[in-house]
Structure formats: structure tokens, C-alpha cells
Amino acid sequence: MIYTAFVALGVVLGFGITRNLGPEVALRSPAKVTYAALGGAVVGAFLLQLPADALGWSPEAETVTRWGGRTVLGGLLGGWLSVELMKRHIGHVAPTGDAFAVGLPLSLGMGRLGCVFAGCCPGVPLDASSPWARVSLALHDEPRFPATLLEAYFHIAAAVVLFALTRRDVGAGLRLVGYFAAYGAFRFAVEFGRDVPRPLLGLSYYQVLAGVLGVAGIVTLVRRTKDHWSQI
């Protein structure tokens, strides 16, 4: 219940701040692109979780509902792919991510705070002498690496930075992909501290998804930066 409440709060806050960024930002994303982003995110969140549920690669595999589990990384990848396909379909070539660059990390940050308070997505067990034990999250009185708390801080900090950049119109067309690149790298690293199966050459399934997101973000960021400078 508390997790659902935080997710709902995140959606409301994210939607509210997106609507109030100003028309010059919102108009960069046509309505069809926005709908594609939302639909693709929902489908991706469920679809890319299926392998983890079916193969036991998810820490919550035994408690998955009949509708299956969900993964934030799958939602981001699915939403991004859907946007690119829709843009190609309608012939829209300009970047559209600026409209989502603040509301998205804010929503995800609130969702991760929900994980913290609900006790889901636990980190690896810690020795009491570990420096991380001072800021650890307890599960059954056992100190755990605060992976979800660190991720919540990351998203909220990203939202603050991106809000400042948006207000100054700095990095137009680069803000969302920059966030994707940073989050992919951060999630890949922090995933080592999560208590999850690691069947893929010592990596978790979610690290693979994070790697895909991070690499795609970096490649897109570099390409758009080169295109920008070539036009100056």
C-alpha cells in the first residue's frame, strides 16, 4: 500500500511539473509522441520483465502476480523505442525528450522511496563493520546495502539538475538522453549492491538492461552533440 502511494504521488508530481515547464518545452513533444512514450513504457516494463520472471532471475520471482512483474529499465527502454518509432512514422526529426526530462526522474525517485519504505528490492547483506552499515537499510534486523535509497537520491538529484537546466534552456535536446546515459551507468554500478541472481557472466539481468540503456544514451548523446556542432 505504501509503495503504491509513493508511486501515485510520483506520477502526480511528475505530470504536474511537466505541464508547468512552459509551452516552449512541452511543444517539442507532439501528442502522438507523448502517447507512444506512455504506451511503450507500460508494455516495456512488463515485457522485459518476463524473462526474469520465467527464468528465476528476479529476486521477487516467487511473488509475481498473475499480471507479471515490472521493471523500470524495461519501461524506459520500451518508452524510448516507441517514441523513436512514432517519430519516424509521423516524420518528426527534432528531439522530443525535453518535455519528460524533469518529471520522469522525479516520478522514479518517488517510486524508489516507496521501495525503501516498503522494504522491497533489498540490497546485499552487510557486515556490521562495513562503512555502508551506518546508512544501511535493515531487513529482518540484518543490515543491507542501501541500493534503493541511493537510487532514490540519484533520481531526485537528477530532477533538480535537469529542472535548473530546463529553466535556463541549457542542453536542449540532450537533457533526457544525458539522464538515460547517467542512469544506465549508475544503475549498472549500484546493481552490484542489490541482492539479485547473477546468471549472466556474473551480472544480473537488470545490469544487462542498464548497460543497454547507458550505451544507447551515450551513443545518442554523442551523435546529437556532433550534429549540433556541425551546424554551427
C-alpha atoms as a PDB file:
ATOM      1  CA  MET A   1       0.000   0.000   0.000  1.00  0.00           C
ATOM      2  CA  ILE A   2       2.748   2.471   0.929  1.00  0.00           C
ATOM      3  CA  TYR A   3       4.646   1.655  -2.269  1.00  0.00           C
ATOM      4  CA  THR A   4       1.537   2.324  -4.365  1.00  0.00           C
ATOM      5  CA  ALA A   5       1.022   5.631  -2.559  1.00  0.00           C
ATOM      6  CA  PHE A   6       4.557   6.786  -3.355  1.00  0.00           C
ATOM      7  CA  VAL A   7       4.217   5.724  -6.993  1.00  0.00           C
ATOM      8  CA  ALA A   8       0.931   7.620  -7.297  1.00  0.00           C
ATOM      9  CA  LEU A   9       2.497  10.688  -5.685  1.00  0.00           C
ATOM     10  CA  GLY A  10       5.416  10.468  -8.087  1.00  0.00           C
ATOM     11  CA  VAL A  11       3.105  10.300 -11.100  1.00  0.00           C
ATOM     12  CA  VAL A  12       1.128  13.322  -9.901  1.00  0.00           C
ATOM     13  CA  LEU A  13       4.264  15.368  -9.185  1.00  0.00           C
ATOM     14  CA  GLY A  14       5.917  14.337 -12.441  1.00  0.00           C
ATOM     15  CA  PHE A  15       2.841  15.147 -14.506  1.00  0.00           C
ATOM     16  CA  GLY A  16       2.360  18.448 -12.710  1.00  0.00           C
ATOM     17  CA  ILE A  17       5.903  19.685 -13.197  1.00  0.00           C
ATOM     18  CA  THR A  18       5.899  18.563 -16.832  1.00  0.00           C
ATOM     19  CA  ARG A  19       2.788  20.627 -17.534  1.00  0.00           C
ATOM     20  CA  ASN A  20       4.320  23.675 -15.881  1.00  0.00           C
ATOM     21  CA  LEU A  21       7.668  23.689 -17.644  1.00  0.00           C
ATOM     22  CA  GLY A  22       6.293  26.108 -20.211  1.00  0.00           C
ATOM     23  CA  PRO A  23       4.835  25.716 -23.710  1.00  0.00           C
ATOM     24  CA  GLU A  24       8.232  26.159 -25.380  1.00  0.00           C
ATOM     25  CA  VAL A  25       9.315  22.851 -23.805  1.00  0.00           C
ATOM     26  CA  ALA A  26       6.030  20.952 -23.987  1.00  0.00           C
ATOM     27  CA  LEU A  27       5.513  21.733 -27.675  1.00  0.00           C
ATOM     28  CA  ARG A  28       8.742  19.939 -28.531  1.00  0.00           C
ATOM     29  CA  SER A  29       6.857  16.697 -27.925  1.00  0.00           C
ATOM     30  CA  PRO A  30       3.812  16.180 -30.201  1.00  0.00           C
ATOM     31  CA  ALA A  31       0.785  14.499 -28.608  1.00  0.00           C
ATOM     32  CA  LYS A  32       1.286  11.288 -30.596  1.00  0.00           C
ATOM     33  CA  VAL A  33       4.849  11.051 -29.319  1.00  0.00           C
ATOM     34  CA  THR A  34       3.689  11.519 -25.739  1.00  0.00           C
ATOM     35  CA  TYR A  35       1.099   8.751 -26.097  1.00  0.00           C
ATOM     36  CA  ALA A  36       3.723   6.491 -27.682  1.00  0.00           C
ATOM     37  CA  ALA A  37       6.068   7.135 -24.756  1.00  0.00           C
ATOM     38  CA  LEU A  38       3.429   6.234 -22.177  1.00  0.00           C
ATOM     39  CA  GLY A  39       2.207   3.142 -24.025  1.00  0.00           C
ATOM     40  CA  GLY A  40       5.701   1.911 -24.800  1.00  0.00           C
ATOM     41  CA  ALA A  41       6.783   2.389 -21.197  1.00  0.00           C
ATOM     42  CA  VAL A  42       3.923   0.262 -19.877  1.00  0.00           C
ATOM     43  CA  VAL A  43       4.499  -2.501 -22.427  1.00  0.00           C
ATOM     44  CA  GLY A  44       8.270  -2.441 -21.945  1.00  0.00           C
ATOM     45  CA  ALA A  45       8.006  -2.550 -18.155  1.00  0.00           C
ATOM     46  CA  PHE A  46       6.012  -5.787 -18.314  1.00  0.00           C
ATOM     47  CA  LEU A  47       7.502  -7.366 -21.444  1.00  0.00           C
ATOM     48  CA  LEU A  48      11.162  -7.022 -20.470  1.00  0.00           C
ATOM     49  CA  GLN A  49      10.419  -8.391 -17.013  1.00  0.00           C
ATOM     50  CA  LEU A  50       9.057 -11.656 -18.441  1.00  0.00           C
ATOM     51  CA  PRO A  51      12.481 -13.327 -18.951  1.00  0.00           C
ATOM     52  CA  ALA A  52      13.458 -12.564 -15.341  1.00  0.00           C
ATOM     53  CA  ASP A  53      10.180 -13.960 -14.012  1.00  0.00           C
ATOM     54  CA  ALA A  54      10.249 -17.061 -16.215  1.00  0.00           C
ATOM     55  CA  LEU A  55      13.898 -17.934 -15.612  1.00  0.00           C
ATOM     56  CA  GLY A  56      14.080 -17.039 -11.930  1.00  0.00           C
ATOM     57  CA  TRP A  57      16.388 -14.072 -12.491  1.00  0.00           C
ATOM     58  CA  SER A  58      14.240 -11.749 -10.395  1.00  0.00           C
ATOM     59  CA  PRO A  59      14.550 -11.592  -6.583  1.00  0.00           C
ATOM     60  CA  GLU A  60      10.749 -11.441  -6.386  1.00  0.00           C
ATOM     61  CA  ALA A  61      10.170 -14.301  -8.848  1.00  0.00           C
ATOM     62  CA  GLU A  62       8.199 -16.333  -6.302  1.00  0.00           C
ATOM     63  CA  THR A  63       5.806 -13.487  -5.503  1.00  0.00           C
ATOM     64  CA  VAL A  64       4.986 -12.287  -9.008  1.00  0.00           C
ATOM     65  CA  THR A  65       1.310 -11.563  -9.581  1.00  0.00           C
ATOM     66  CA  ARG A  66      -0.690 -13.138 -12.382  1.00  0.00           C
ATOM     67  CA  TRP A  67      -0.053  -9.961 -14.391  1.00  0.00           C
ATOM     68  CA  GLY A  68       3.703 -10.462 -14.057  1.00  0.00           C
ATOM     69  CA  GLY A  69       6.350  -8.214 -12.600  1.00  0.00           C
ATOM     70  CA  ARG A  70       7.604  -4.853 -13.856  1.00  0.00           C
ATOM     71  CA  THR A  71      10.992  -3.303 -14.404  1.00  0.00           C
ATOM     72  CA  VAL A  72      11.780   0.411 -14.531  1.00  0.00           C
ATOM     73  CA  LEU A  73      14.580  -0.236 -17.004  1.00  0.00           C
ATOM     74  CA  GLY A  74      12.198  -2.053 -19.323  1.00  0.00           C
ATOM     75  CA  GLY A  75       9.793   0.867 -19.097  1.00  0.00           C
ATOM     76  CA  LEU A  76      12.486   3.356 -20.065  1.00  0.00           C
ATOM     77  CA  LEU A  77      13.720   1.246 -22.970  1.00  0.00           C
ATOM     78  CA  GLY A  78      10.193   0.494 -24.176  1.00  0.00           C
ATOM     79  CA  GLY A  79       9.117   4.121 -23.965  1.00  0.00           C
ATOM     80  CA  TRP A  80      12.223   5.337 -25.773  1.00  0.00           C
ATOM     81  CA  LEU A  81      11.892   2.797 -28.582  1.00  0.00           C
ATOM     82  CA  SER A  82       8.204   3.618 -29.034  1.00  0.00           C
ATOM     83  CA  VAL A  83       8.981   7.323 -29.255  1.00  0.00           C
ATOM     84  CA  GLU A  84      11.622   6.801 -31.931  1.00  0.00           C
ATOM     85  CA  LEU A  85       9.285   4.598 -33.968  1.00  0.00           C
ATOM     86  CA  MET A  86       6.445   7.114 -33.683  1.00  0.00           C
ATOM     87  CA  LYS A  87       8.722   9.998 -34.661  1.00  0.00           C
ATOM     88  CA  ARG A  88       9.788   8.100 -37.747  1.00  0.00           C
ATOM     89  CA  HIS A  89       6.151   7.306 -38.555  1.00  0.00           C
ATOM     90  CA  ILE A  90       4.987  10.943 -38.379  1.00  0.00           C
ATOM     91  CA  GLY A  91       8.178  12.382 -39.861  1.00  0.00           C
ATOM     92  CA  HIS A  92       9.220  14.286 -36.746  1.00  0.00           C
ATOM     93  CA  VAL A  93      13.002  14.631 -36.613  1.00  0.00           C
ATOM     94  CA  ALA A  94      13.635  17.027 -33.703  1.00  0.00           C
ATOM     95  CA  PRO A  95      14.446  15.673 -30.206  1.00  0.00           C
ATOM     96  CA  THR A  96      11.356  15.391 -28.005  1.00  0.00           C
ATOM     97  CA  GLY A  97      12.727  14.237 -24.658  1.00  0.00           C
ATOM     98  CA  ASP A  98      12.953  17.661 -23.015  1.00  0.00           C
ATOM     99  CA  ALA A  99       9.257  17.503 -22.109  1.00  0.00           C
ATOM    100  CA  PHE A 100       9.904  14.455 -19.906  1.00  0.00           C
ATOM    101  CA  ALA A 101      13.390  15.247 -18.604  1.00  0.00           C
ATOM    102  CA  VAL A 102      12.279  16.593 -15.210  1.00  0.00           C
ATOM    103  CA  GLY A 103       9.032  14.773 -14.468  1.00  0.00           C
ATOM    104  CA  LEU A 104      10.426  11.324 -15.276  1.00  0.00           C
ATOM    105  CA  PRO A 105      13.305  11.223 -12.762  1.00  0.00           C
ATOM    106  CA  LEU A 106      11.109  12.878 -10.141  1.00  0.00           C
ATOM    107  CA  SER A 107       8.490  10.140 -10.572  1.00  0.00           C
ATOM    108  CA  LEU A 108      11.104   7.393 -10.455  1.00  0.00           C
ATOM    109  CA  GLY A 109      12.684   8.913  -7.362  1.00  0.00           C
ATOM    110  CA  MET A 110       9.371   8.859  -5.514  1.00  0.00           C
ATOM    111  CA  GLY A 111       8.825   5.270  -6.636  1.00  0.00           C
ATOM    112  CA  ARG A 112      12.200   4.257  -5.229  1.00  0.00           C
ATOM    113  CA  LEU A 113      11.364   5.950  -1.933  1.00  0.00           C
ATOM    114  CA  GLY A 114       8.289   3.725  -1.946  1.00  0.00           C
ATOM    115  CA  CYS A 115      10.613   0.738  -2.306  1.00  0.00           C
ATOM    116  CA  VAL A 116      12.639   1.971   0.667  1.00  0.00           C
ATOM    117  CA  PHE A 117       9.627   2.232   2.961  1.00  0.00           C
ATOM    118  CA  ALA A 118       8.025  -0.968   1.656  1.00  0.00           C
ATOM    119  CA  GLY A 119      11.240  -2.959   2.089  1.00  0.00           C
ATOM    120  CA  CYS A 120      11.308  -4.358  -1.445  1.00  0.00           C
ATOM    121  CA  CYS A 121      14.318  -4.681  -3.772  1.00  0.00           C
ATOM    122  CA  PRO A 122      16.750  -5.323  -0.872  1.00  0.00           C
ATOM    123  CA  GLY A 123      20.486  -4.840  -1.052  1.00  0.00           C
ATOM    124  CA  VAL A 124      23.111  -7.452  -0.299  1.00  0.00           C
ATOM    125  CA  PRO A 125      23.704  -8.319   3.378  1.00  0.00           C
ATOM    126  CA  LEU A 126      26.387  -6.225   5.060  1.00  0.00           C
ATOM    127  CA  ASP A 127      28.888  -6.966   7.766  1.00  0.00           C
ATOM    128  CA  ALA A 128      28.364  -4.767  10.815  1.00  0.00           C
ATOM    129  CA  SER A 129      31.871  -3.360  10.351  1.00  0.00           C
ATOM    130  CA  SER A 130      31.179  -2.144   6.804  1.00  0.00           C
ATOM    131  CA  PRO A 131      31.140   1.656   6.338  1.00  0.00           C
ATOM    132  CA  TRP A 132      27.849   1.213   4.461  1.00  0.00           C
ATOM    133  CA  ALA A 133      26.306  -0.321   7.565  1.00  0.00           C
ATOM    134  CA  ARG A 134      25.965   3.170   9.050  1.00  0.00           C
ATOM    135  CA  VAL A 135      23.482   4.157   6.341  1.00  0.00           C
ATOM    136  CA  SER A 136      22.185   0.675   5.593  1.00  0.00           C
ATOM    137  CA  LEU A 137      18.592  -0.468   5.382  1.00  0.00           C
ATOM    138  CA  ALA A 138      17.626  -3.283   7.740  1.00  0.00           C
ATOM    139  CA  LEU A 139      15.732  -6.366   6.607  1.00  0.00           C
ATOM    140  CA  HIS A 140      14.792  -8.786   9.382  1.00  0.00           C
ATOM    141  CA  ASP A 141      17.280  -6.909  11.605  1.00  0.00           C
ATOM    142  CA  GLU A 142      20.076  -7.599   9.098  1.00  0.00           C
ATOM    143  CA  PRO A 143      21.912  -4.569   7.650  1.00  0.00           C
ATOM    144  CA  ARG A 144      21.628  -4.329   3.879  1.00  0.00           C
ATOM    145  CA  PHE A 145      23.326  -2.201   1.249  1.00  0.00           C
ATOM    146  CA  PRO A 146      21.047   0.849   0.645  1.00  0.00           C
ATOM    147  CA  ALA A 147      20.706   0.329  -3.111  1.00  0.00           C
ATOM    148  CA  THR A 148      17.135   1.627  -3.375  1.00  0.00           C
ATOM    149  CA  LEU A 149      17.877   4.647  -1.185  1.00  0.00           C
ATOM    150  CA  LEU A 150      20.897   5.587  -3.293  1.00  0.00           C
ATOM    151  CA  GLU A 151      18.811   5.220  -6.431  1.00  0.00           C
ATOM    152  CA  ALA A 152      16.092   7.450  -4.981  1.00  0.00           C
ATOM    153  CA  TYR A 153      18.721  10.101  -4.223  1.00  0.00           C
ATOM    154  CA  PHE A 154      20.097   9.773  -7.757  1.00  0.00           C
ATOM    155  CA  HIS A 155      16.727  10.331  -9.439  1.00  0.00           C
ATOM    156  CA  ILE A 156      15.754  13.256  -7.216  1.00  0.00           C
ATOM    157  CA  ALA A 157      19.159  14.907  -7.675  1.00  0.00           C
ATOM    158  CA  ALA A 158      18.856  14.390 -11.438  1.00  0.00           C
ATOM    159  CA  ALA A 159      15.410  16.008 -11.404  1.00  0.00           C
ATOM    160  CA  VAL A 160      16.806  19.062  -9.587  1.00  0.00           C
ATOM    161  CA  VAL A 161      19.724  19.425 -12.013  1.00  0.00           C
ATOM    162  CA  LEU A 162      17.526  18.903 -15.069  1.00  0.00           C
ATOM    163  CA  PHE A 163      14.981  21.406 -13.767  1.00  0.00           C
ATOM    164  CA  ALA A 164      17.724  24.022 -13.448  1.00  0.00           C
ATOM    165  CA  LEU A 165      18.987  23.258 -16.961  1.00  0.00           C
ATOM    166  CA  THR A 166      15.456  23.421 -18.340  1.00  0.00           C
ATOM    167  CA  ARG A 167      14.736  26.789 -16.738  1.00  0.00           C
ATOM    168  CA  ARG A 168      17.900  28.155 -18.373  1.00  0.00           C
ATOM    169  CA  ASP A 169      17.231  26.245 -21.619  1.00  0.00           C
ATOM    170  CA  VAL A 170      20.679  24.662 -21.443  1.00  0.00           C
ATOM    171  CA  GLY A 171      21.317  21.429 -23.328  1.00  0.00           C
ATOM    172  CA  ALA A 172      18.097  21.435 -25.332  1.00  0.00           C
ATOM    173  CA  GLY A 173      17.586  18.057 -26.971  1.00  0.00           C
ATOM    174  CA  LEU A 174      20.307  16.475 -24.828  1.00  0.00           C
ATOM    175  CA  ARG A 175      18.845  16.506 -21.347  1.00  0.00           C
ATOM    176  CA  LEU A 176      16.811  13.292 -21.398  1.00  0.00           C
ATOM    177  CA  VAL A 177      19.399  11.194 -23.233  1.00  0.00           C
ATOM    178  CA  GLY A 178      22.033  12.547 -20.850  1.00  0.00           C
ATOM    179  CA  TYR A 179      19.888  11.366 -17.965  1.00  0.00           C
ATOM    180  CA  PHE A 180      19.469   7.945 -19.609  1.00  0.00           C
ATOM    181  CA  ALA A 181      23.234   7.644 -20.061  1.00  0.00           C
ATOM    182  CA  ALA A 182      23.915   8.636 -16.454  1.00  0.00           C
ATOM    183  CA  TYR A 183      21.205   6.411 -15.021  1.00  0.00           C
ATOM    184  CA  GLY A 184      22.312   3.419 -17.077  1.00  0.00           C
ATOM    185  CA  ALA A 185      25.863   3.760 -15.743  1.00  0.00           C
ATOM    186  CA  PHE A 186      24.691   4.415 -12.178  1.00  0.00           C
ATOM    187  CA  ARG A 187      22.246   1.510 -12.162  1.00  0.00           C
ATOM    188  CA  PHE A 188      24.850  -0.846 -13.613  1.00  0.00           C
ATOM    189  CA  ALA A 189      27.191   0.043 -10.747  1.00  0.00           C
ATOM    190  CA  VAL A 190      24.673   0.059  -7.893  1.00  0.00           C
ATOM    191  CA  GLU A 191      23.221  -3.246  -9.079  1.00  0.00           C
ATOM    192  CA  PHE A 192      26.291  -4.955  -7.616  1.00  0.00           C
ATOM    193  CA  GLY A 193      24.865  -3.979  -4.247  1.00  0.00           C
ATOM    194  CA  ARG A 194      21.423  -5.474  -4.844  1.00  0.00           C
ATOM    195  CA  ASP A 195      20.517  -8.961  -3.670  1.00  0.00           C
ATOM    196  CA  VAL A 196      19.626 -10.440  -7.062  1.00  0.00           C
ATOM    197  CA  PRO A 197      20.624 -13.530  -9.069  1.00  0.00           C
ATOM    198  CA  ARG A 198      23.622 -13.011 -11.370  1.00  0.00           C
ATOM    199  CA  PRO A 199      23.316 -15.685 -14.060  1.00  0.00           C
ATOM    200  CA  LEU A 200      24.814 -13.722 -16.955  1.00  0.00           C
ATOM    201  CA  LEU A 201      28.593 -13.972 -16.596  1.00  0.00           C
ATOM    202  CA  GLY A 202      28.360 -12.672 -13.059  1.00  0.00           C
ATOM    203  CA  LEU A 203      25.928  -9.911 -13.973  1.00  0.00           C
ATOM    204  CA  SER A 204      22.257  -9.606 -13.146  1.00  0.00           C
ATOM    205  CA  TYR A 205      19.591  -9.393 -15.834  1.00  0.00           C
ATOM    206  CA  TYR A 206      18.932  -5.805 -14.766  1.00  0.00           C
ATOM    207  CA  GLN A 207      22.590  -4.908 -15.232  1.00  0.00           C
ATOM    208  CA  VAL A 208      22.315  -6.020 -18.845  1.00  0.00           C
ATOM    209  CA  LEU A 209      19.267  -3.781 -19.321  1.00  0.00           C
ATOM    210  CA  ALA A 210      21.090  -0.931 -17.570  1.00  0.00           C
ATOM    211  CA  GLY A 211      24.064  -1.433 -19.859  1.00  0.00           C
ATOM    212  CA  VAL A 212      21.842  -1.260 -22.938  1.00  0.00           C
ATOM    213  CA  LEU A 213      20.203   1.932 -21.663  1.00  0.00           C
ATOM    214  CA  GLY A 214      23.523   3.536 -20.761  1.00  0.00           C
ATOM    215  CA  VAL A 215      25.238   2.694 -24.053  1.00  0.00           C
ATOM    216  CA  ALA A 216      22.224   3.823 -26.093  1.00  0.00           C
ATOM    217  CA  GLY A 217      22.139   7.060 -24.116  1.00  0.00           C
ATOM    218  CA  ILE A 218      25.847   7.739 -24.607  1.00  0.00           C
ATOM    219  CA  VAL A 219      25.730   6.969 -28.343  1.00  0.00           C
ATOM    220  CA  THR A 220      22.702   9.215 -28.840  1.00  0.00           C
ATOM    221  CA  LEU A 221      24.247  11.974 -26.734  1.00  0.00           C
ATOM    222  CA  VAL A 222      27.480  11.907 -28.740  1.00  0.00           C
ATOM    223  CA  ARG A 223      25.639  11.804 -32.069  1.00  0.00           C
ATOM    224  CA  ARG A 224      23.381  14.731 -31.203  1.00  0.00           C
ATOM    225  CA  THR A 225      26.297  16.754 -29.861  1.00  0.00           C
ATOM    226  CA  LYS A 226      28.225  16.208 -33.099  1.00  0.00           C
ATOM    227  CA  ASP A 227      25.161  17.190 -35.138  1.00  0.00           C
ATOM    228  CA  HIS A 228      24.797  20.354 -33.066  1.00  0.00           C
ATOM    229  CA  TRP A 229      28.398  21.454 -33.545  1.00  0.00           C
ATOM    230  CA  SER A 230      28.357  20.617 -37.249  1.00  0.00           C
ATOM    231  CA  GLN A 231      25.529  23.124 -37.714  1.00  0.00           C
ATOM    232  CA  ILE A 232      27.384  25.980 -36.018  1.00  0.00           C
END
